Amino acid sequence: MARYTDAKCKLCRREGAKLFLKGDRCFSPRCSFDRRGYAPGEHGQRPRRKQSDFALQLREKQKARRIYGIFERQFRKYFAEAERQPGVTGDNLLRLLERRLDNVVFRLGFAPSRSAARQLVRHGHFQVNGRKVTIPSYALVRGEVVQVAEKSRSLHVFKEAKERRREDQLCAWISRDIDKLSGHIMEMPARDAIPANVNEQLIVELYSK
């Protein structure tokens, strides 16, 4: 299965929005999107033509995929599950994506980016309710506790997380004890509590054709 290995900053420039894929670099003057906000490639600085409805829907879907770092097949499965659930399909989709363990680790500030969070989870540095979980897509539910494993707390990345105490990605549906390097899922995420710059209705329209 192929994974994107080119410069991540190109993805932000292609989508015309900051996706926060590079951790601290995204908040620094070195951010490529801030310096070169136009699309990548030799024709990137040309004025963009008016996009069709399909193009707008496709770009919104690609943006959501890239924000959460998942493949097309995974994304389709999430959408199919969102359709089966009661309620608004778009809200259900974002709720499913937000509940991923790698995303929650990022939201808690224990990793600088979702890709870093995914790697830390896979390497066994996190526990859910006291049990080691190495599956980044693990779906957290209300009441569960995510914490850094005792043996991993001396790692530089977690020491740095305690020193910085970043709250820019922290959401209202998660509580955090930064000193204990733990987080608690207080409730299922509501749409207005998800700070994702995504128009989920366009994604629903794309997959509903």
C-alpha atoms as a PDB file:
ATOM      1  CA  MET A   1       0.000   0.000   0.000  1.00  0.00           C
ATOM      2  CA  ALA A   2       1.526   3.319  -1.084  1.00  0.00           C
ATOM      3  CA  ARG A   3       1.991   6.219   1.271  1.00  0.00           C
ATOM      4  CA  TYR A   4       2.658   9.845   0.368  1.00  0.00           C
ATOM      5  CA  THR A   5       6.387  10.572   0.783  1.00  0.00           C
ATOM      6  CA  ASP A   6       6.747  13.941  -0.956  1.00  0.00           C
ATOM      7  CA  ALA A   7       6.937  17.295   0.873  1.00  0.00           C
ATOM      8  CA  LYS A   8       3.924  17.632   3.188  1.00  0.00           C
ATOM      9  CA  CYS A   9       3.817  21.390   2.765  1.00  0.00           C
ATOM     10  CA  LYS A  10       2.798  20.859  -0.864  1.00  0.00           C
ATOM     11  CA  LEU A  11      -0.441  19.319   0.368  1.00  0.00           C
ATOM     12  CA  CYS A  12      -1.364  22.483   2.278  1.00  0.00           C
ATOM     13  CA  ARG A  13      -0.538  24.625  -0.740  1.00  0.00           C
ATOM     14  CA  ARG A  14      -2.561  22.342  -3.021  1.00  0.00           C
ATOM     15  CA  GLU A  15      -5.628  22.563  -0.788  1.00  0.00           C
ATOM     16  CA  GLY A  16      -5.218  26.293  -0.203  1.00  0.00           C
ATOM     17  CA  ALA A  17      -5.403  25.886   3.580  1.00  0.00           C
ATOM     18  CA  LYS A  18      -3.146  25.113   6.516  1.00  0.00           C
ATOM     19  CA  LEU A  19      -3.519  21.438   7.404  1.00  0.00           C
ATOM     20  CA  PHE A  20      -0.968  21.452  10.258  1.00  0.00           C
ATOM     21  CA  LEU A  21       0.945  18.453   8.940  1.00  0.00           C
ATOM     22  CA  LYS A  22       4.424  19.553  10.041  1.00  0.00           C
ATOM     23  CA  GLY A  23       3.944  20.211  13.744  1.00  0.00           C
ATOM     24  CA  ASP A  24       5.836  23.200  15.113  1.00  0.00           C
ATOM     25  CA  ARG A  25       6.961  24.309  11.651  1.00  0.00           C
ATOM     26  CA  CYS A  26       3.342  25.233  10.859  1.00  0.00           C
ATOM     27  CA  PHE A  27       3.417  27.824  13.665  1.00  0.00           C
ATOM     28  CA  SER A  28       6.789  29.295  12.700  1.00  0.00           C
ATOM     29  CA  PRO A  29       7.863  31.835  10.037  1.00  0.00           C
ATOM     30  CA  ARG A  30       9.321  28.885   8.087  1.00  0.00           C
ATOM     31  CA  CYS A  31       5.843  27.611   7.221  1.00  0.00           C
ATOM     32  CA  SER A  32       5.783  27.121   3.443  1.00  0.00           C
ATOM     33  CA  PHE A  33       2.092  27.931   3.192  1.00  0.00           C
ATOM     34  CA  ASP A  34       2.637  31.348   4.778  1.00  0.00           C
ATOM     35  CA  ARG A  35       5.610  32.066   2.521  1.00  0.00           C
ATOM     36  CA  ARG A  36       4.182  30.573  -0.687  1.00  0.00           C
ATOM     37  CA  GLY A  37       0.422  30.305  -0.405  1.00  0.00           C
ATOM     38  CA  TYR A  38      -0.057  29.523  -4.078  1.00  0.00           C
ATOM     39  CA  ALA A  39      -0.462  25.982  -5.457  1.00  0.00           C
ATOM     40  CA  PRO A  40       2.683  23.909  -6.074  1.00  0.00           C
ATOM     41  CA  GLY A  41       4.125  23.304  -9.541  1.00  0.00           C
ATOM     42  CA  GLU A  42       5.286  25.515 -12.366  1.00  0.00           C
ATOM     43  CA  HIS A  43       1.772  26.828 -12.996  1.00  0.00           C
ATOM     44  CA  GLY A  44       0.934  27.339  -9.340  1.00  0.00           C
ATOM     45  CA  GLN A  45       1.095  31.136  -9.427  1.00  0.00           C
ATOM     46  CA  ARG A  46      -1.392  31.452 -12.266  1.00  0.00           C
ATOM     47  CA  PRO A  47      -4.861  32.709 -11.263  1.00  0.00           C
ATOM     48  CA  ARG A  48      -7.046  29.760 -10.404  1.00  0.00           C
ATOM     49  CA  ARG A  49      -9.983  29.127 -12.697  1.00  0.00           C
ATOM     50  CA  LYS A  50     -13.472  28.856 -11.328  1.00  0.00           C
ATOM     51  CA  GLN A  51     -13.919  25.289 -10.133  1.00  0.00           C
ATOM     52  CA  SER A  52     -16.882  23.062 -10.947  1.00  0.00           C
ATOM     53  CA  ASP A  53     -19.099  21.664  -8.198  1.00  0.00           C
ATOM     54  CA  PHE A  54     -17.408  18.289  -8.583  1.00  0.00           C
ATOM     55  CA  ALA A  55     -13.947  19.851  -8.233  1.00  0.00           C
ATOM     56  CA  LEU A  56     -14.979  21.657  -5.048  1.00  0.00           C
ATOM     57  CA  GLN A  57     -16.410  18.454  -3.590  1.00  0.00           C
ATOM     58  CA  LEU A  58     -13.325  16.451  -4.528  1.00  0.00           C
ATOM     59  CA  ARG A  59     -10.942  19.002  -3.045  1.00  0.00           C
ATOM     60  CA  GLU A  60     -12.905  19.047   0.218  1.00  0.00           C
ATOM     61  CA  LYS A  61     -12.722  15.262   0.448  1.00  0.00           C
ATOM     62  CA  GLN A  62      -8.991  15.293  -0.284  1.00  0.00           C
ATOM     63  CA  LYS A  63      -8.471  17.978   2.343  1.00  0.00           C
ATOM     64  CA  ALA A  64     -10.250  15.906   5.001  1.00  0.00           C
ATOM     65  CA  ARG A  65      -8.253  12.809   4.062  1.00  0.00           C
ATOM     66  CA  ARG A  66      -4.992  14.693   4.303  1.00  0.00           C
ATOM     67  CA  ILE A  67      -5.847  16.354   7.603  1.00  0.00           C
ATOM     68  CA  TYR A  68      -6.475  12.997   9.263  1.00  0.00           C
ATOM     69  CA  GLY A  69      -3.821  11.126   7.273  1.00  0.00           C
ATOM     70  CA  ILE A  70      -5.896   8.222   5.960  1.00  0.00           C
ATOM     71  CA  PHE A  71      -6.217   6.390   2.637  1.00  0.00           C
ATOM     72  CA  GLU A  72      -9.133   6.546   0.229  1.00  0.00           C
ATOM     73  CA  ARG A  73     -10.335   3.036   1.096  1.00  0.00           C
ATOM     74  CA  GLN A  74     -10.319   3.853   4.810  1.00  0.00           C
ATOM     75  CA  PHE A  75     -12.141   7.100   4.170  1.00  0.00           C
ATOM     76  CA  ARG A  76     -14.852   5.321   2.193  1.00  0.00           C
ATOM     77  CA  LYS A  77     -15.353   2.883   5.055  1.00  0.00           C
ATOM     78  CA  TYR A  78     -15.732   5.757   7.491  1.00  0.00           C
ATOM     79  CA  PHE A  79     -18.285   7.385   5.204  1.00  0.00           C
ATOM     80  CA  ALA A  80     -20.257   4.130   4.842  1.00  0.00           C
ATOM     81  CA  GLU A  81     -20.338   3.774   8.623  1.00  0.00           C
ATOM     82  CA  ALA A  82     -21.411   7.409   9.005  1.00  0.00           C
ATOM     83  CA  GLU A  83     -24.310   6.780   6.606  1.00  0.00           C
ATOM     84  CA  ARG A  84     -25.496   3.809   8.664  1.00  0.00           C
ATOM     85  CA  GLN A  85     -25.577   5.786  11.884  1.00  0.00           C
ATOM     86  CA  PRO A  86     -28.602   7.912  12.838  1.00  0.00           C
ATOM     87  CA  GLY A  87     -28.243  11.670  12.507  1.00  0.00           C
ATOM     88  CA  VAL A  88     -26.464  13.919  10.019  1.00  0.00           C
ATOM     89  CA  THR A  89     -24.026  11.946   7.860  1.00  0.00           C
ATOM     90  CA  GLY A  90     -21.430  14.736   7.654  1.00  0.00           C
ATOM     91  CA  ASP A  91     -21.387  15.235  11.421  1.00  0.00           C
ATOM     92  CA  ASN A  92     -21.147  11.472  11.934  1.00  0.00           C
ATOM     93  CA  LEU A  93     -18.179  11.303   9.558  1.00  0.00           C
ATOM     94  CA  LEU A  94     -16.180  13.964  11.386  1.00  0.00           C
ATOM     95  CA  ARG A  95     -17.111  12.417  14.724  1.00  0.00           C
ATOM     96  CA  LEU A  96     -15.713   9.056  13.609  1.00  0.00           C
ATOM     97  CA  LEU A  97     -12.491  10.642  12.379  1.00  0.00           C
ATOM     98  CA  GLU A  98     -12.036  12.655  15.576  1.00  0.00           C
ATOM     99  CA  ARG A  99     -12.403   9.557  17.754  1.00  0.00           C
ATOM    100  CA  ARG A 100      -9.322   7.916  16.229  1.00  0.00           C
ATOM    101  CA  LEU A 101      -6.612   7.326  18.818  1.00  0.00           C
ATOM    102  CA  ASP A 102      -3.896   9.045  16.777  1.00  0.00           C
ATOM    103  CA  ASN A 103      -6.083  12.136  16.394  1.00  0.00           C
ATOM    104  CA  VAL A 104      -6.852  12.273  20.136  1.00  0.00           C
ATOM    105  CA  VAL A 105      -3.142  11.964  20.965  1.00  0.00           C
ATOM    106  CA  PHE A 106      -2.533  14.947  18.675  1.00  0.00           C
ATOM    107  CA  ARG A 107      -5.437  16.910  20.170  1.00  0.00           C
ATOM    108  CA  LEU A 108      -4.053  16.317  23.660  1.00  0.00           C
ATOM    109  CA  GLY A 109      -0.733  17.864  22.627  1.00  0.00           C
ATOM    110  CA  PHE A 110       1.288  14.694  23.235  1.00  0.00           C
ATOM    111  CA  ALA A 111       2.577  14.707  19.631  1.00  0.00           C
ATOM    112  CA  PRO A 112       3.430  17.630  17.323  1.00  0.00           C
ATOM    113  CA  SER A 113       1.379  16.240  14.399  1.00  0.00           C
ATOM    114  CA  ARG A 114      -1.007  13.423  13.567  1.00  0.00           C
ATOM    115  CA  SER A 115       1.681  11.536  11.647  1.00  0.00           C
ATOM    116  CA  ALA A 116       3.956  11.710  14.712  1.00  0.00           C
ATOM    117  CA  ALA A 117       1.041  10.602  16.904  1.00  0.00           C
ATOM    118  CA  ARG A 118       0.397   7.659  14.580  1.00  0.00           C
ATOM    119  CA  GLN A 119       4.013   6.548  14.863  1.00  0.00           C
ATOM    120  CA  LEU A 120       4.039   6.873  18.653  1.00  0.00           C
ATOM    121  CA  VAL A 121       0.863   4.792  18.920  1.00  0.00           C
ATOM    122  CA  ARG A 122       2.246   2.086  16.652  1.00  0.00           C
ATOM    123  CA  HIS A 123       5.405   1.870  18.750  1.00  0.00           C
ATOM    124  CA  GLY A 124       3.359   1.087  21.853  1.00  0.00           C
ATOM    125  CA  HIS A 125       3.826   4.311  23.808  1.00  0.00           C
ATOM    126  CA  PHE A 126       0.136   4.748  24.695  1.00  0.00           C
ATOM    127  CA  GLN A 127      -2.398   2.942  26.828  1.00  0.00           C
ATOM    128  CA  VAL A 128      -6.190   3.086  26.826  1.00  0.00           C
ATOM    129  CA  ASN A 129      -7.750   2.282  30.198  1.00  0.00           C
ATOM    130  CA  GLY A 130      -4.413   0.848  31.313  1.00  0.00           C
ATOM    131  CA  ARG A 131      -3.960  -1.480  28.327  1.00  0.00           C
ATOM    132  CA  LYS A 132      -1.427  -0.931  25.533  1.00  0.00           C
ATOM    133  CA  VAL A 133      -3.037  -0.088  22.184  1.00  0.00           C
ATOM    134  CA  THR A 134      -0.950  -0.008  19.007  1.00  0.00           C
ATOM    135  CA  ILE A 135      -3.762   0.630  16.499  1.00  0.00           C
ATOM    136  CA  PRO A 136      -3.909   4.308  15.402  1.00  0.00           C
ATOM    137  CA  SER A 137      -7.496   3.905  14.142  1.00  0.00           C
ATOM    138  CA  TYR A 138      -8.755   2.604  17.506  1.00  0.00           C
ATOM    139  CA  ALA A 139     -12.099   4.348  18.104  1.00  0.00           C
ATOM    140  CA  LEU A 140     -12.291   5.894  21.552  1.00  0.00           C
ATOM    141  CA  VAL A 141     -15.604   6.161  23.385  1.00  0.00           C
ATOM    142  CA  ARG A 142     -16.929   8.230  26.243  1.00  0.00           C
ATOM    143  CA  GLY A 143     -15.256   7.517  29.571  1.00  0.00           C
ATOM    144  CA  GLU A 144     -12.026   6.047  28.211  1.00  0.00           C
ATOM    145  CA  VAL A 145      -8.661   7.313  29.448  1.00  0.00           C
ATOM    146  CA  VAL A 146      -5.631   7.726  27.187  1.00  0.00           C
ATOM    147  CA  GLN A 147      -2.242   7.940  28.841  1.00  0.00           C
ATOM    148  CA  VAL A 148       1.434   7.657  28.012  1.00  0.00           C
ATOM    149  CA  ALA A 149       2.896   4.334  29.130  1.00  0.00           C
ATOM    150  CA  GLU A 150       5.012   4.594  32.276  1.00  0.00           C
ATOM    151  CA  LYS A 151       8.162   3.338  30.547  1.00  0.00           C
ATOM    152  CA  SER A 152       7.782   5.954  27.774  1.00  0.00           C
ATOM    153  CA  ARG A 153       7.389   9.099  29.864  1.00  0.00           C
ATOM    154  CA  SER A 154      11.107   9.837  29.836  1.00  0.00           C
ATOM    155  CA  LEU A 155      11.160  10.211  26.056  1.00  0.00           C
ATOM    156  CA  HIS A 156      12.081  13.664  24.764  1.00  0.00           C
ATOM    157  CA  VAL A 157       8.810  14.125  22.870  1.00  0.00           C
ATOM    158  CA  PHE A 158       6.764  13.741  26.067  1.00  0.00           C
ATOM    159  CA  LYS A 159       9.069  15.878  28.176  1.00  0.00           C
ATOM    160  CA  GLU A 160       8.707  18.568  25.539  1.00  0.00           C
ATOM    161  CA  ALA A 161       4.917  18.182  25.594  1.00  0.00           C
ATOM    162  CA  LYS A 162       4.878  18.789  29.355  1.00  0.00           C
ATOM    163  CA  GLU A 163       7.056  21.882  29.003  1.00  0.00           C
ATOM    164  CA  ARG A 164       5.086  23.458  26.154  1.00  0.00           C
ATOM    165  CA  ARG A 165       1.575  22.643  27.430  1.00  0.00           C
ATOM    166  CA  ARG A 166       0.098  23.555  24.048  1.00  0.00           C
ATOM    167  CA  GLU A 167      -3.653  24.018  23.943  1.00  0.00           C
ATOM    168  CA  ASP A 168      -4.178  25.179  20.353  1.00  0.00           C
ATOM    169  CA  GLN A 169      -5.660  21.817  19.273  1.00  0.00           C
ATOM    170  CA  LEU A 170      -7.346  20.843  22.558  1.00  0.00           C
ATOM    171  CA  CYS A 171     -11.122  20.321  22.254  1.00  0.00           C
ATOM    172  CA  ALA A 172     -13.979  20.783  24.710  1.00  0.00           C
ATOM    173  CA  TRP A 173     -14.903  17.077  24.624  1.00  0.00           C
ATOM    174  CA  ILE A 174     -11.473  16.027  25.950  1.00  0.00           C
ATOM    175  CA  SER A 175      -9.933  16.814  29.330  1.00  0.00           C
ATOM    176  CA  ARG A 176      -6.190  16.668  29.880  1.00  0.00           C
ATOM    177  CA  ASP A 177      -3.824  16.247  32.806  1.00  0.00           C
ATOM    178  CA  ILE A 178      -0.541  17.311  31.245  1.00  0.00           C
ATOM    179  CA  ASP A 179       1.508  16.494  34.355  1.00  0.00           C
ATOM    180  CA  LYS A 180       0.274  12.891  34.315  1.00  0.00           C
ATOM    181  CA  LEU A 181       0.364  12.801  30.496  1.00  0.00           C
ATOM    182  CA  SER A 182      -3.192  11.531  30.347  1.00  0.00           C
ATOM    183  CA  GLY A 183      -6.481  12.525  28.753  1.00  0.00           C
ATOM    184  CA  HIS A 184     -10.114  11.642  29.372  1.00  0.00           C
ATOM    185  CA  ILE A 185     -12.883  11.375  26.784  1.00  0.00           C
ATOM    186  CA  MET A 186     -15.675  13.265  28.531  1.00  0.00           C
ATOM    187  CA  GLU A 187     -18.261  12.981  25.752  1.00  0.00           C
ATOM    188  CA  MET A 188     -18.678  12.194  22.095  1.00  0.00           C
ATOM    189  CA  PRO A 189     -17.525  15.142  19.945  1.00  0.00           C
ATOM    190  CA  ALA A 190     -20.247  17.477  18.688  1.00  0.00           C
ATOM    191  CA  ARG A 191     -19.708  19.241  15.346  1.00  0.00           C
ATOM    192  CA  ASP A 192     -19.301  22.677  16.920  1.00  0.00           C
ATOM    193  CA  ALA A 193     -16.567  21.245  19.185  1.00  0.00           C
ATOM    194  CA  ILE A 194     -14.475  19.953  16.258  1.00  0.00           C
ATOM    195  CA  PRO A 195     -12.019  22.611  15.014  1.00  0.00           C
ATOM    196  CA  ALA A 196     -11.667  21.060  11.562  1.00  0.00           C
ATOM    197  CA  ASN A 197     -11.664  23.447   8.602  1.00  0.00           C
ATOM    198  CA  VAL A 198     -13.780  21.091   6.511  1.00  0.00           C
ATOM    199  CA  ASN A 199     -17.124  21.534   4.766  1.00  0.00           C
ATOM    200  CA  GLU A 200     -18.420  18.020   5.360  1.00  0.00           C
ATOM    201  CA  GLN A 201     -21.592  18.641   3.329  1.00  0.00           C
ATOM    202  CA  LEU A 202     -19.520  18.807   0.133  1.00  0.00           C
ATOM    203  CA  ILE A 203     -18.072  15.381   0.964  1.00  0.00           C
ATOM    204  CA  VAL A 204     -21.567  13.970   1.481  1.00  0.00           C
ATOM    205  CA  GLU A 205     -22.636  15.398  -1.892  1.00  0.00           C
ATOM    206  CA  LEU A 206     -19.587  13.827  -3.578  1.00  0.00           C
ATOM    207  CA  TYR A 207     -20.231  10.321  -2.260  1.00  0.00           C
ATOM    208  CA  SER A 208     -23.986  10.561  -2.759  1.00  0.00           C
ATOM    209  CA  LYS A 209     -23.765  10.853  -6.544  1.00  0.00           C
END
